[in-house]
Amino acid sequence: MKVTTVSRPRIHFTSDHEWIDYNGTVGFVGVSAFKLKGIKKIDAIKWHRHKGTIEKGTLIAELHAEDYIIPIHTPVTCKFLGANQQLSDNYNLILESPQDKGWVFFVSPMKFAGQEPLLSPEDYQKHINPLPRSRPEP
């Protein structure tokens, strides 16, 4: 399987590896390539349906992959708008294009970019690849 490293242009991350890309009044939500590392195949998506306003951090879906369950939470307070219909025939699109075409669902955020504390792509890279600590002087 070929994996693309393309990321959406307005992507922001949570410290738990979910991401959101704001596009006007809609946000596309997915899981970072880092969190999916080592997963070979996604077998199913289990949805947790919610109505009305959904608080940031609420479990929306679970990716079932081999012996793993990967939870996906809302990165912002929002209203759920729907699932990525391209996934209905190909769950592995999430693995092939994790930070672009493999988004899982879309939402209408109650606040927009800059109003929710999320990590920029640069800050997320520092989060997943922290600098090694220097050794103390002898």
N, C-alpha and C. Protein backbone atom coordinates (compact mmCIF):
# COMPACT_ATOMS: atom_id res chain seq x y z
N MET A 1 0.84 -1.17 0.00
CA MET A 1 0.00 0.00 0.00
C MET A 1 0.90 1.24 0.00
N LYS A 2 0.60 2.15 -0.91
CA LYS A 2 1.35 3.40 -0.98
C LYS A 2 0.73 4.41 -0.02
N VAL A 3 1.56 5.05 0.80
CA VAL A 3 1.09 6.02 1.77
C VAL A 3 1.58 7.40 1.36
N THR A 4 0.65 8.35 1.30
CA THR A 4 1.01 9.72 0.96
C THR A 4 1.31 10.50 2.23
N THR A 5 2.25 11.42 2.13
CA THR A 5 2.61 12.25 3.28
C THR A 5 2.01 13.64 3.16
N VAL A 6 1.09 13.84 2.21
CA VAL A 6 0.44 15.12 2.02
C VAL A 6 -0.45 15.42 3.23
N SER A 7 -0.38 16.66 3.71
CA SER A 7 -1.27 17.10 4.79
C SER A 7 -2.16 18.22 4.29
N ARG A 8 -3.33 18.30 4.84
CA ARG A 8 -4.28 19.37 4.50
C ARG A 8 -3.67 20.72 4.87
N PRO A 9 -4.06 21.79 4.16
CA PRO A 9 -3.39 23.08 4.32
C PRO A 9 -3.63 23.79 5.67
N ARG A 10 -4.77 23.59 6.30
CA ARG A 10 -5.09 24.31 7.54
C ARG A 10 -5.16 23.35 8.72
N ILE A 11 -4.37 22.31 8.70
CA ILE A 11 -4.44 21.24 9.68
C ILE A 11 -3.89 21.68 11.05
N HIS A 12 -4.58 21.27 12.10
CA HIS A 12 -4.15 21.46 13.48
C HIS A 12 -4.40 20.16 14.22
N PHE A 13 -3.59 19.88 15.25
CA PHE A 13 -3.61 18.60 15.93
C PHE A 13 -3.97 18.73 17.40
N THR A 14 -4.44 17.60 17.95
CA THR A 14 -4.58 17.47 19.40
C THR A 14 -3.36 16.71 19.90
N SER A 15 -3.11 16.74 21.18
CA SER A 15 -1.99 15.97 21.73
C SER A 15 -2.28 14.47 21.68
N ASP A 16 -3.55 14.08 21.43
CA ASP A 16 -3.93 12.67 21.31
C ASP A 16 -3.95 12.19 19.86
N HIS A 17 -3.42 13.01 18.94
CA HIS A 17 -3.18 12.63 17.55
C HIS A 17 -4.39 12.71 16.63
N GLU A 18 -5.48 13.34 17.05
CA GLU A 18 -6.53 13.67 16.10
C GLU A 18 -6.14 14.97 15.43
N TRP A 19 -6.72 15.23 14.27
CA TRP A 19 -6.47 16.51 13.60
C TRP A 19 -7.78 17.07 13.07
N ILE A 20 -7.78 18.37 12.83
CA ILE A 20 -8.90 19.04 12.19
C ILE A 20 -8.34 20.02 11.17
N ASP A 21 -9.01 20.07 10.03
CA ASP A 21 -8.68 21.04 8.99
C ASP A 21 -9.91 21.92 8.80
N TYR A 22 -9.77 23.20 9.15
CA TYR A 22 -10.87 24.14 9.00
C TYR A 22 -11.00 24.57 7.55
N ASN A 23 -12.22 24.50 7.02
CA ASN A 23 -12.48 24.95 5.66
C ASN A 23 -13.79 25.73 5.71
N GLY A 24 -13.67 27.03 5.95
CA GLY A 24 -14.87 27.86 6.11
C GLY A 24 -15.57 27.50 7.41
N THR A 25 -16.84 27.14 7.33
CA THR A 25 -17.62 26.82 8.52
C THR A 25 -17.62 25.32 8.84
N VAL A 26 -16.79 24.56 8.14
CA VAL A 26 -16.72 23.11 8.31
C VAL A 26 -15.30 22.73 8.73
N GLY A 27 -15.21 21.68 9.53
CA GLY A 27 -13.92 21.12 9.90
C GLY A 27 -13.88 19.64 9.55
N PHE A 28 -12.83 19.21 8.87
CA PHE A 28 -12.64 17.80 8.54
C PHE A 28 -11.73 17.20 9.59
N VAL A 29 -12.10 16.02 10.13
CA VAL A 29 -11.39 15.43 11.26
C VAL A 29 -10.82 14.07 10.86
N GLY A 30 -9.59 13.82 11.30
CA GLY A 30 -8.95 12.54 11.03
C GLY A 30 -7.96 12.17 12.11
N VAL A 31 -7.17 11.16 11.82
CA VAL A 31 -6.16 10.64 12.75
C VAL A 31 -4.79 10.82 12.11
N SER A 32 -3.82 11.24 12.91
CA SER A 32 -2.48 11.50 12.37
C SER A 32 -1.79 10.24 11.87
N ALA A 33 -0.90 10.44 10.93
CA ALA A 33 -0.09 9.34 10.41
C ALA A 33 0.73 8.70 11.53
N PHE A 34 1.17 9.51 12.49
CA PHE A 34 1.95 9.01 13.62
C PHE A 34 1.17 7.97 14.41
N LYS A 35 -0.10 8.23 14.70
CA LYS A 35 -0.91 7.31 15.49
C LYS A 35 -1.22 6.02 14.72
N LEU A 36 -1.22 6.10 13.40
CA LEU A 36 -1.56 4.93 12.57
C LEU A 36 -0.34 4.11 12.18
N LYS A 37 0.84 4.56 12.59
CA LYS A 37 2.07 3.85 12.22
C LYS A 37 2.00 2.40 12.66
N GLY A 38 2.31 1.49 11.77
CA GLY A 38 2.33 0.07 12.07
C GLY A 38 1.01 -0.65 11.78
N ILE A 39 -0.07 0.08 11.55
CA ILE A 39 -1.36 -0.53 11.22
C ILE A 39 -1.35 -0.91 9.75
N LYS A 40 -1.71 -2.15 9.45
CA LYS A 40 -1.65 -2.64 8.07
C LYS A 40 -3.01 -2.59 7.37
N LYS A 41 -4.11 -2.71 8.17
CA LYS A 41 -5.43 -2.78 7.56
C LYS A 41 -6.47 -2.36 8.58
N ILE A 42 -7.45 -1.58 8.13
CA ILE A 42 -8.58 -1.21 8.99
C ILE A 42 -9.75 -2.09 8.59
N ASP A 43 -10.30 -2.80 9.56
CA ASP A 43 -11.37 -3.74 9.30
C ASP A 43 -12.76 -3.12 9.39
N ALA A 44 -12.94 -2.13 10.28
CA ALA A 44 -14.26 -1.54 10.47
C ALA A 44 -14.15 -0.21 11.19
N ILE A 45 -15.22 0.57 11.10
CA ILE A 45 -15.37 1.79 11.88
C ILE A 45 -16.64 1.63 12.70
N LYS A 46 -16.52 1.80 14.01
CA LYS A 46 -17.69 1.78 14.89
C LYS A 46 -18.01 3.23 15.25
N TRP A 47 -19.25 3.64 14.99
CA TRP A 47 -19.67 5.01 15.23
C TRP A 47 -20.40 5.13 16.55
N HIS A 48 -20.14 6.21 17.26
CA HIS A 48 -20.85 6.57 18.48
C HIS A 48 -21.66 7.82 18.13
N ARG A 49 -22.95 7.66 17.92
CA ARG A 49 -23.80 8.75 17.45
C ARG A 49 -24.13 9.72 18.58
N HIS A 50 -24.10 10.99 18.24
CA HIS A 50 -24.42 12.06 19.18
C HIS A 50 -25.32 13.06 18.47
N LYS A 51 -26.20 13.71 19.23
CA LYS A 51 -27.07 14.74 18.68
C LYS A 51 -26.75 16.07 19.34
N GLY A 52 -27.02 17.14 18.62
CA GLY A 52 -26.81 18.46 19.18
C GLY A 52 -25.33 18.81 19.27
N THR A 53 -25.02 19.68 20.22
CA THR A 53 -23.64 20.11 20.41
C THR A 53 -22.83 19.02 21.10
N ILE A 54 -21.67 18.73 20.54
CA ILE A 54 -20.79 17.69 21.07
C ILE A 54 -19.57 18.39 21.67
N GLU A 55 -19.29 18.09 22.92
CA GLU A 55 -18.16 18.72 23.61
C GLU A 55 -16.83 18.19 23.09
N LYS A 56 -15.84 19.06 23.09
CA LYS A 56 -14.47 18.69 22.72
C LYS A 56 -14.04 17.47 23.54
N GLY A 57 -13.42 16.50 22.87
CA GLY A 57 -12.92 15.31 23.54
C GLY A 57 -13.90 14.15 23.59
N THR A 58 -15.10 14.32 23.03
CA THR A 58 -16.10 13.25 23.03
C THR A 58 -15.73 12.18 22.00
N LEU A 59 -15.88 10.92 22.38
CA LEU A 59 -15.60 9.81 21.47
C LEU A 59 -16.67 9.78 20.37
N ILE A 60 -16.23 9.84 19.11
CA ILE A 60 -17.14 9.84 17.97
C ILE A 60 -17.08 8.51 17.22
N ALA A 61 -15.89 7.96 17.08
CA ALA A 61 -15.73 6.73 16.30
C ALA A 61 -14.53 5.94 16.81
N GLU A 62 -14.52 4.67 16.45
CA GLU A 62 -13.38 3.80 16.75
C GLU A 62 -12.99 3.08 15.47
N LEU A 63 -11.71 3.11 15.15
CA LEU A 63 -11.19 2.32 14.04
C LEU A 63 -10.81 0.96 14.59
N HIS A 64 -11.33 -0.09 14.00
CA HIS A 64 -10.97 -1.45 14.39
C HIS A 64 -9.97 -1.98 13.38
N ALA A 65 -8.78 -2.25 13.86
CA ALA A 65 -7.68 -2.67 13.00
C ALA A 65 -6.95 -3.82 13.66
N GLU A 66 -7.02 -4.98 13.04
CA GLU A 66 -6.37 -6.17 13.59
C GLU A 66 -6.81 -6.34 15.04
N ASP A 67 -5.89 -6.31 15.98
CA ASP A 67 -6.24 -6.45 17.40
C ASP A 67 -6.30 -5.10 18.11
N TYR A 68 -6.33 -4.02 17.35
CA TYR A 68 -6.30 -2.68 17.92
C TYR A 68 -7.64 -1.97 17.75
N ILE A 69 -7.94 -1.12 18.70
CA ILE A 69 -9.06 -0.19 18.57
C ILE A 69 -8.48 1.20 18.76
N ILE A 70 -8.67 2.03 17.75
CA ILE A 70 -8.12 3.38 17.75
C ILE A 70 -9.28 4.35 17.92
N PRO A 71 -9.40 4.98 19.10
CA PRO A 71 -10.50 5.92 19.31
C PRO A 71 -10.26 7.24 18.59
N ILE A 72 -11.36 7.86 18.13
CA ILE A 72 -11.28 9.19 17.52
C ILE A 72 -12.25 10.09 18.27
N HIS A 73 -11.69 11.13 18.86
CA HIS A 73 -12.47 12.09 19.64
C HIS A 73 -12.61 13.40 18.86
N THR A 74 -13.60 14.19 19.21
CA THR A 74 -13.73 15.49 18.57
C THR A 74 -12.63 16.41 19.09
N PRO A 75 -11.89 17.05 18.19
CA PRO A 75 -10.82 17.95 18.62
C PRO A 75 -11.35 19.31 19.10
N VAL A 76 -12.61 19.60 18.78
CA VAL A 76 -13.23 20.87 19.16
C VAL A 76 -14.69 20.63 19.53
N THR A 77 -15.30 21.58 20.23
CA THR A 77 -16.74 21.54 20.47
C THR A 77 -17.42 21.82 19.14
N CYS A 78 -18.40 20.98 18.76
CA CYS A 78 -18.93 21.04 17.41
C CYS A 78 -20.29 20.37 17.29
N LYS A 79 -20.82 20.38 16.07
CA LYS A 79 -21.96 19.57 15.68
C LYS A 79 -21.47 18.59 14.62
N PHE A 80 -21.83 17.34 14.76
CA PHE A 80 -21.43 16.30 13.82
C PHE A 80 -22.24 16.47 12.54
N LEU A 81 -21.56 16.48 11.38
CA LEU A 81 -22.25 16.63 10.10
C LEU A 81 -22.30 15.35 9.29
N GLY A 82 -21.34 14.45 9.47
CA GLY A 82 -21.37 13.20 8.72
C GLY A 82 -20.02 12.55 8.56
N ALA A 83 -20.07 11.36 8.01
CA ALA A 83 -18.86 10.57 7.78
C ALA A 83 -18.32 10.83 6.38
N ASN A 84 -17.07 10.51 6.17
CA ASN A 84 -16.44 10.57 4.85
C ASN A 84 -17.00 9.40 4.04
N GLN A 85 -17.83 9.68 3.08
CA GLN A 85 -18.49 8.63 2.30
C GLN A 85 -17.51 7.83 1.45
N GLN A 86 -16.32 8.39 1.17
CA GLN A 86 -15.31 7.64 0.40
C GLN A 86 -14.78 6.45 1.20
N LEU A 87 -14.99 6.45 2.51
CA LEU A 87 -14.49 5.35 3.34
C LEU A 87 -15.41 4.13 3.30
N SER A 88 -16.65 4.30 2.86
CA SER A 88 -17.60 3.18 2.90
C SER A 88 -17.13 1.99 2.07
N ASP A 89 -16.38 2.24 1.01
CA ASP A 89 -15.87 1.15 0.18
C ASP A 89 -14.39 0.88 0.41
N ASN A 90 -13.71 1.75 1.19
CA ASN A 90 -12.26 1.62 1.32
C ASN A 90 -11.78 2.25 2.63
N TYR A 91 -11.89 1.50 3.74
CA TYR A 91 -11.41 2.00 5.03
C TYR A 91 -9.92 2.31 4.98
N ASN A 92 -9.19 1.61 4.13
CA ASN A 92 -7.75 1.79 4.10
C ASN A 92 -7.31 3.12 3.51
N LEU A 93 -8.26 3.91 2.98
CA LEU A 93 -7.94 5.26 2.55
C LEU A 93 -7.41 6.06 3.75
N ILE A 94 -7.87 5.71 4.95
CA ILE A 94 -7.37 6.36 6.17
C ILE A 94 -5.87 6.11 6.32
N LEU A 95 -5.42 4.90 5.97
CA LEU A 95 -4.00 4.57 6.08
C LEU A 95 -3.19 5.11 4.89
N GLU A 96 -3.80 5.12 3.71
CA GLU A 96 -3.11 5.56 2.51
C GLU A 96 -2.90 7.06 2.47
N SER A 97 -3.85 7.81 3.03
CA SER A 97 -3.80 9.28 3.00
C SER A 97 -4.30 9.82 4.34
N PRO A 98 -3.56 9.51 5.43
CA PRO A 98 -4.08 9.78 6.78
C PRO A 98 -4.34 11.24 7.11
N GLN A 99 -3.62 12.16 6.51
CA GLN A 99 -3.77 13.57 6.86
C GLN A 99 -4.30 14.39 5.69
N ASP A 100 -5.03 13.72 4.79
CA ASP A 100 -5.62 14.41 3.65
C ASP A 100 -6.95 13.74 3.28
N LYS A 101 -6.95 12.88 2.28
CA LYS A 101 -8.19 12.26 1.80
C LYS A 101 -8.78 11.25 2.78
N GLY A 102 -7.99 10.80 3.73
CA GLY A 102 -8.44 9.81 4.70
C GLY A 102 -9.10 10.40 5.93
N TRP A 103 -9.64 11.62 5.81
CA TRP A 103 -10.38 12.18 6.95
C TRP A 103 -11.55 11.27 7.26
N VAL A 104 -11.99 11.25 8.51
CA VAL A 104 -12.99 10.28 8.94
C VAL A 104 -14.40 10.89 9.00
N PHE A 105 -14.51 12.09 9.53
CA PHE A 105 -15.83 12.73 9.60
C PHE A 105 -15.67 14.24 9.53
N PHE A 106 -16.80 14.92 9.32
CA PHE A 106 -16.73 16.38 9.30
C PHE A 106 -17.75 16.96 10.26
N VAL A 107 -17.41 18.17 10.73
CA VAL A 107 -18.17 18.81 11.79
C VAL A 107 -18.37 20.30 11.48
N SER A 108 -19.26 20.90 12.23
CA SER A 108 -19.42 22.35 12.23
C SER A 108 -18.93 22.83 13.59
N PRO A 109 -17.71 23.39 13.64
CA PRO A 109 -17.16 23.83 14.93
C PRO A 109 -17.99 24.98 15.53
N MET A 110 -18.10 24.98 16.84
CA MET A 110 -18.79 26.07 17.53
C MET A 110 -17.89 27.30 17.62
N LYS A 111 -16.57 27.08 17.58
CA LYS A 111 -15.57 28.14 17.52
C LYS A 111 -14.67 27.79 16.34
N PHE A 112 -13.95 28.76 15.84
CA PHE A 112 -13.15 28.50 14.65
C PHE A 112 -11.66 28.65 14.93
N ALA A 113 -10.87 28.37 13.92
CA ALA A 113 -9.41 28.35 14.04
C ALA A 113 -8.90 29.50 14.90
N GLY A 114 -8.02 29.17 15.80
CA GLY A 114 -7.42 30.16 16.68
C GLY A 114 -8.17 30.33 17.99
N GLN A 115 -9.39 29.80 18.07
CA GLN A 115 -10.18 29.95 19.29
C GLN A 115 -10.14 28.69 20.15
N GLU A 116 -9.66 27.61 19.64
CA GLU A 116 -9.51 26.37 20.40
C GLU A 116 -8.02 26.09 20.53
N PRO A 117 -7.56 25.65 21.69
CA PRO A 117 -6.12 25.38 21.85
C PRO A 117 -5.72 24.07 21.16
N LEU A 118 -5.20 24.18 19.96
CA LEU A 118 -4.72 23.03 19.19
C LEU A 118 -3.27 23.26 18.82
N LEU A 119 -2.60 22.20 18.38
CA LEU A 119 -1.19 22.28 18.01
C LEU A 119 -1.03 22.58 16.52
N SER A 120 -0.17 23.51 16.19
CA SER A 120 0.19 23.75 14.80
C SER A 120 0.97 22.53 14.30
N PRO A 121 1.12 22.36 12.99
CA PRO A 121 1.94 21.25 12.49
C PRO A 121 3.35 21.24 13.08
N GLU A 122 3.94 22.42 13.25
CA GLU A 122 5.30 22.50 13.81
C GLU A 122 5.31 22.06 15.27
N ASP A 123 4.33 22.54 16.05
CA ASP A 123 4.25 22.15 17.46
C ASP A 123 3.93 20.67 17.62
N TYR A 124 3.13 20.14 16.69
CA TYR A 124 2.81 18.71 16.75
C TYR A 124 4.07 17.88 16.50
N GLN A 125 4.90 18.31 15.56
CA GLN A 125 6.15 17.59 15.29
C GLN A 125 7.02 17.57 16.54
N LYS A 126 7.07 18.68 17.27
CA LYS A 126 7.83 18.73 18.52
C LYS A 126 7.21 17.80 19.57
N HIS A 127 5.89 17.68 19.55
CA HIS A 127 5.17 16.82 20.49
C HIS A 127 5.51 15.34 20.25
N ILE A 128 5.57 14.93 18.98
CA ILE A 128 5.83 13.52 18.69
C ILE A 128 7.31 13.18 18.59
N ASN A 129 8.14 14.21 18.39
CA ASN A 129 9.59 14.02 18.30
C ASN A 129 10.30 14.99 19.24
N PRO A 130 10.15 14.81 20.55
CA PRO A 130 10.78 15.76 21.47
C PRO A 130 12.30 15.72 21.35
N LEU A 131 12.91 16.86 21.61
CA LEU A 131 14.37 16.92 21.57
C LEU A 131 14.94 16.05 22.68
N PRO A 132 16.02 15.34 22.40
CA PRO A 132 16.62 14.53 23.46
C PRO A 132 17.17 15.43 24.57
N ARG A 133 17.06 14.98 25.78
CA ARG A 133 17.59 15.74 26.89
C ARG A 133 19.11 15.65 26.88
N SER A 134 19.73 16.75 27.17
CA SER A 134 21.19 16.72 27.21
C SER A 134 21.63 16.02 28.50
N ARG A 135 22.75 15.40 28.40
CA ARG A 135 23.29 14.68 29.58
C ARG A 135 23.88 15.68 30.54
N PRO A 136 23.73 15.45 31.82
CA PRO A 136 24.32 16.38 32.78
C PRO A 136 25.85 16.30 32.74
N GLU A 137 26.46 17.41 33.05
CA GLU A 137 27.92 17.47 33.10
C GLU A 137 28.41 16.58 34.24
N PRO A 138 29.55 15.86 34.03
CA PRO A 138 30.07 15.01 35.12
C PRO A 138 30.70 15.83 36.22
